[in-house]
C-alpha atoms as a PDB file:
ATOM      1  CA  MET A   1     101.744 104.711 118.426  1.00  0.00           C
ATOM      2  CA  PRO A   2     103.167 101.759 120.866  1.00  0.00           C
ATOM      3  CA  ILE A   3     106.633 103.569 120.935  1.00  0.00           C
ATOM      4  CA  LEU A   4     105.195 106.389 122.664  1.00  0.00           C
ATOM      5  CA  PHE A   5     103.374 104.382 125.044  1.00  0.00           C
ATOM      6  CA  LEU A   6     106.434 102.460 126.004  1.00  0.00           C
ATOM      7  CA  ALA A   7     108.636 105.419 125.846  1.00  0.00           C
ATOM      8  CA  ALA A   8     106.091 107.280 128.386  1.00  0.00           C
ATOM      9  CA  TYR A   9     105.918 104.436 130.507  1.00  0.00           C
ATOM     10  CA  LEU A  10     109.779 104.093 131.113  1.00  0.00           C
ATOM     11  CA  PHE A  11     110.064 107.919 131.508  1.00  0.00           C
ATOM     12  CA  LEU A  12     107.142 108.171 134.002  1.00  0.00           C
ATOM     13  CA  ALA A  13     108.565 104.941 136.051  1.00  0.00           C
ATOM     14  CA  ILE A  14     111.779 106.618 136.629  1.00  0.00           C
ATOM     15  CA  VAL A  15     110.460 110.517 137.139  1.00  0.00           C
ATOM     16  CA  ARG A  16     106.941 109.429 138.514  1.00  0.00           C
ATOM     17  CA  ASP A  17     105.505 112.950 137.895  1.00  0.00           C
ATOM     18  CA  ALA A  18     106.015 115.087 134.750  1.00  0.00           C
ATOM     19  CA  GLN A  19     103.127 117.444 134.814  1.00  0.00           C
ATOM     20  CA  THR A  20     105.104 120.528 135.620  1.00  0.00           C
ATOM     21  CA  GLY A  21     108.487 122.375 135.324  1.00  0.00           C
ATOM     22  CA  LEU A  22     111.588 120.793 134.083  1.00  0.00           C
ATOM     23  CA  ALA A  23     110.189 117.232 134.335  1.00  0.00           C
ATOM     24  CA  HIS A  24     107.542 118.137 131.995  1.00  0.00           C
ATOM     25  CA  ALA A  25     109.816 119.626 129.409  1.00  0.00           C
ATOM     26  CA  LEU A  26     112.019 116.805 129.630  1.00  0.00           C
ATOM     27  CA  PHE A  27     109.417 114.445 129.097  1.00  0.00           C
ATOM     28  CA  GLN A  28     108.466 116.348 126.082  1.00  0.00           C
ATOM     29  CA  ALA A  29     111.801 116.524 124.733  1.00  0.00           C
ATOM     30  CA  TRP A  30     112.062 112.656 125.425  1.00  0.00           C
ATOM     31  CA  LEU A  31     108.959 111.868 123.534  1.00  0.00           C
ATOM     32  CA  VAL A  32     110.185 113.912 120.598  1.00  0.00           C
ATOM     33  CA  LEU A  33     113.529 112.011 120.503  1.00  0.00           C
ATOM     34  CA  MET A  34     111.725 108.662 120.534  1.00  0.00           C
ATOM     35  CA  CYS A  35     109.441 109.336 117.752  1.00  0.00           C
ATOM     36  CA  GLY A  36     112.701 110.708 115.901  1.00  0.00           C
ATOM     37  CA  SER A  37     114.329 107.510 116.468  1.00  0.00           C
ATOM     38  CA  TYR A  38     111.529 105.485 115.160  1.00  0.00           C
ATOM     39  CA  PHE A  39     111.294 107.720 112.187  1.00  0.00           C
ATOM     40  CA  THR A  40     114.925 107.835 111.239  1.00  0.00           C
ATOM     41  CA  TYR A  41     115.506 104.041 111.823  1.00  0.00           C
ATOM     42  CA  CYS A  42     112.522 103.248 109.492  1.00  0.00           C
ATOM     43  CA  TRP A  43     113.818 105.600 107.028  1.00  0.00           C
ATOM     44  CA  VAL A  44     117.531 104.631 107.138  1.00  0.00           C
ATOM     45  CA  LYS A  45     116.693 100.767 107.119  1.00  0.00           C
ATOM     46  CA  GLY A  46     113.836 100.219 104.770  1.00  0.00           C
ATOM     47  CA  GLY A  47     113.298 103.775 103.241  1.00  0.00           C
ATOM     48  CA  ARG A  48     109.501 103.689 104.939  1.00  0.00           C
ATOM     49  CA  THR A  49     107.577 103.584 107.972  1.00  0.00           C
ATOM     50  CA  LEU A  50     104.657 101.451 108.486  1.00  0.00           C
ATOM     51  CA  ALA A  51     102.143 104.003 107.399  1.00  0.00           C
ATOM     52  CA  MET A  52     104.179 104.657 104.143  1.00  0.00           C
ATOM     53  CA  LYS A  53     104.239 101.007 103.269  1.00  0.00           C
ATOM     54  CA  THR A  54     100.332 101.400 103.643  1.00  0.00           C
ATOM     55  CA  TRP A  55     100.248 104.396 101.243  1.00  0.00           C
ATOM     56  CA  HIS A  56     102.940 102.649  98.810  1.00  0.00           C
ATOM     57  CA  LEU A  57     105.542 105.574  99.431  1.00  0.00           C
ATOM     58  CA  ARG A  58     108.973 105.182  99.971  1.00  0.00           C
ATOM     59  CA  LEU A  59     111.793 107.871 101.256  1.00  0.00           C
ATOM     60  CA  ALA A  60     114.979 108.313  99.620  1.00  0.00           C
ATOM     61  CA  GLN A  61     117.549 111.008  98.618  1.00  0.00           C
ATOM     62  CA  ALA A  62     116.630 113.242  95.593  1.00  0.00           C
ATOM     63  CA  ASP A  63     118.378 110.878  93.192  1.00  0.00           C
ATOM     64  CA  GLY A  64     116.257 107.630  94.526  1.00  0.00           C
ATOM     65  CA  SER A  65     119.439 106.255  96.780  1.00  0.00           C
ATOM     66  CA  PRO A  66     118.714 105.128 100.174  1.00  0.00           C
ATOM     67  CA  ILE A  67     119.278 107.841 103.177  1.00  0.00           C
ATOM     68  CA  GLY A  68     121.675 107.820 105.842  1.00  0.00           C
ATOM     69  CA  TRP A  69     121.467 108.587 109.577  1.00  0.00           C
ATOM     70  CA  ARG A  70     122.735 112.450 109.336  1.00  0.00           C
ATOM     71  CA  ARG A  71     119.973 113.211 106.427  1.00  0.00           C
ATOM     72  CA  ALA A  72     117.247 111.223 108.246  1.00  0.00           C
ATOM     73  CA  TRP A  73     117.954 113.310 111.598  1.00  0.00           C
ATOM     74  CA  LEU A  74     118.371 116.563 109.648  1.00  0.00           C
ATOM     75  CA  ARG A  75     114.682 115.787 107.841  1.00  0.00           C
ATOM     76  CA  TYR A  76     113.275 114.965 111.076  1.00  0.00           C
ATOM     77  CA  ALA A  77     114.504 118.076 113.085  1.00  0.00           C
ATOM     78  CA  LEU A  78     113.345 120.042 109.785  1.00  0.00           C
ATOM     79  CA  ALA A  79     110.025 118.711 109.826  1.00  0.00           C
ATOM     80  CA  VAL A  80     109.438 119.005 113.439  1.00  0.00           C
ATOM     81  CA  ALA A  81     110.528 122.715 112.988  1.00  0.00           C
ATOM     82  CA  GLY A  82     108.279 123.147 110.044  1.00  0.00           C
ATOM     83  CA  LEU A  83     105.325 121.788 112.295  1.00  0.00           C
ATOM     84  CA  PHE A  84     106.094 124.010 115.210  1.00  0.00           C
ATOM     85  CA  LEU A  85     106.214 127.044 112.949  1.00  0.00           C
ATOM     86  CA  PHE A  86     102.378 126.758 112.329  1.00  0.00           C
ATOM     87  CA  GLY A  87     102.853 124.002 109.964  1.00  0.00           C
ATOM     88  CA  LEU A  88     104.687 126.251 107.371  1.00  0.00           C
ATOM     89  CA  GLY A  89     106.944 123.434 106.610  1.00  0.00           C
ATOM     90  CA  TYR A  90     104.065 121.218 105.313  1.00  0.00           C
ATOM     91  CA  LEU A  91     102.171 124.137 103.542  1.00  0.00           C
ATOM     92  CA  TRP A  92     105.061 124.633 101.535  1.00  0.00           C
ATOM     93  CA  ALA A  93     104.204 121.683  99.448  1.00  0.00           C
ATOM     94  CA  PHE A  94     101.357 123.797  97.787  1.00  0.00           C
ATOM     95  CA  VAL A  95     103.830 126.347  96.375  1.00  0.00           C
ATOM     96  CA  ASP A  96     106.672 123.816  95.776  1.00  0.00           C
ATOM     97  CA  ARG A  97     107.315 123.392  91.999  1.00  0.00           C
ATOM     98  CA  ASP A  98     107.237 119.783  92.732  1.00  0.00           C
ATOM     99  CA  GLY A  99     105.103 119.575  95.446  1.00  0.00           C
ATOM    100  CA  GLN A 100     107.459 118.543  98.259  1.00  0.00           C
ATOM    101  CA  PHE A 101     107.635 119.648 101.861  1.00  0.00           C
ATOM    102  CA  LEU A 102     110.218 122.149 102.825  1.00  0.00           C
ATOM    103  CA  HIS A 103     112.159 119.719 105.130  1.00  0.00           C
ATOM    104  CA  ASP A 104     112.407 117.492 102.043  1.00  0.00           C
ATOM    105  CA  ARG A 105     113.643 120.166  99.855  1.00  0.00           C
ATOM    106  CA  LEU A 106     116.233 121.023 102.472  1.00  0.00           C
ATOM    107  CA  ALA A 107     117.225 117.937 103.529  1.00  0.00           C
ATOM    108  CA  GLY A 108     117.642 116.645  99.963  1.00  0.00           C
ATOM    109  CA  THR A 109     115.211 113.907 100.280  1.00  0.00           C
ATOM    110  CA  ARG A 110     112.129 113.057  98.282  1.00  0.00           C
ATOM    111  CA  VAL A 111     108.897 110.813  98.845  1.00  0.00           C
ATOM    112  CA  PHE A 112     108.760 108.377  95.924  1.00  0.00           C
ATOM    113  CA  ALA A 113     105.399 106.265  94.899  1.00  0.00           C
ATOM    114  CA  VAL A 114     106.241 102.681  95.283  1.00  0.00           C
ATOM    115  CA  THR A 115     104.764 100.791  92.231  1.00  0.00           C
ATOM    116  CA  VAL A 116     102.685  97.772  93.715  1.00  0.00           C
ATOM    117  CA  LYS A 117     102.863  94.259  91.625  1.00  0.00           C
ATOM    118  CA  ARG A 118      99.460  92.963  91.321  1.00  0.00           C
ATOM    119  CA  ASP A 119      98.675  88.969  90.912  1.00  0.00           C
ATOM    120  CA  GLY A 120      96.746  87.849  88.772  1.00  0.00           C
END
């Protein structure tokens, strides 16, 4: 992801070495924050990231309306937590009655399929 390359470059240009200690922890937190900035911006401004456009998916509130910044950051934080808990937030989709991830269920969001118009 180019955003991570740029974020890492900027951080390391200032800090120089982030291999150990506090600098390493700050570097990791910085990258998680930069990923969150990318995802939340895409979700709030258009409802989808570039990958979601490719797969014809859109993120919205459970009722289909666009999400705001607060809900986008909540979803991102819950998704990261679900990933760090051995992926349980994602595995939840196998037992959820609607096939939703746990972070979508808790944040009040939903991933919708986008209908694609075909020419011809």
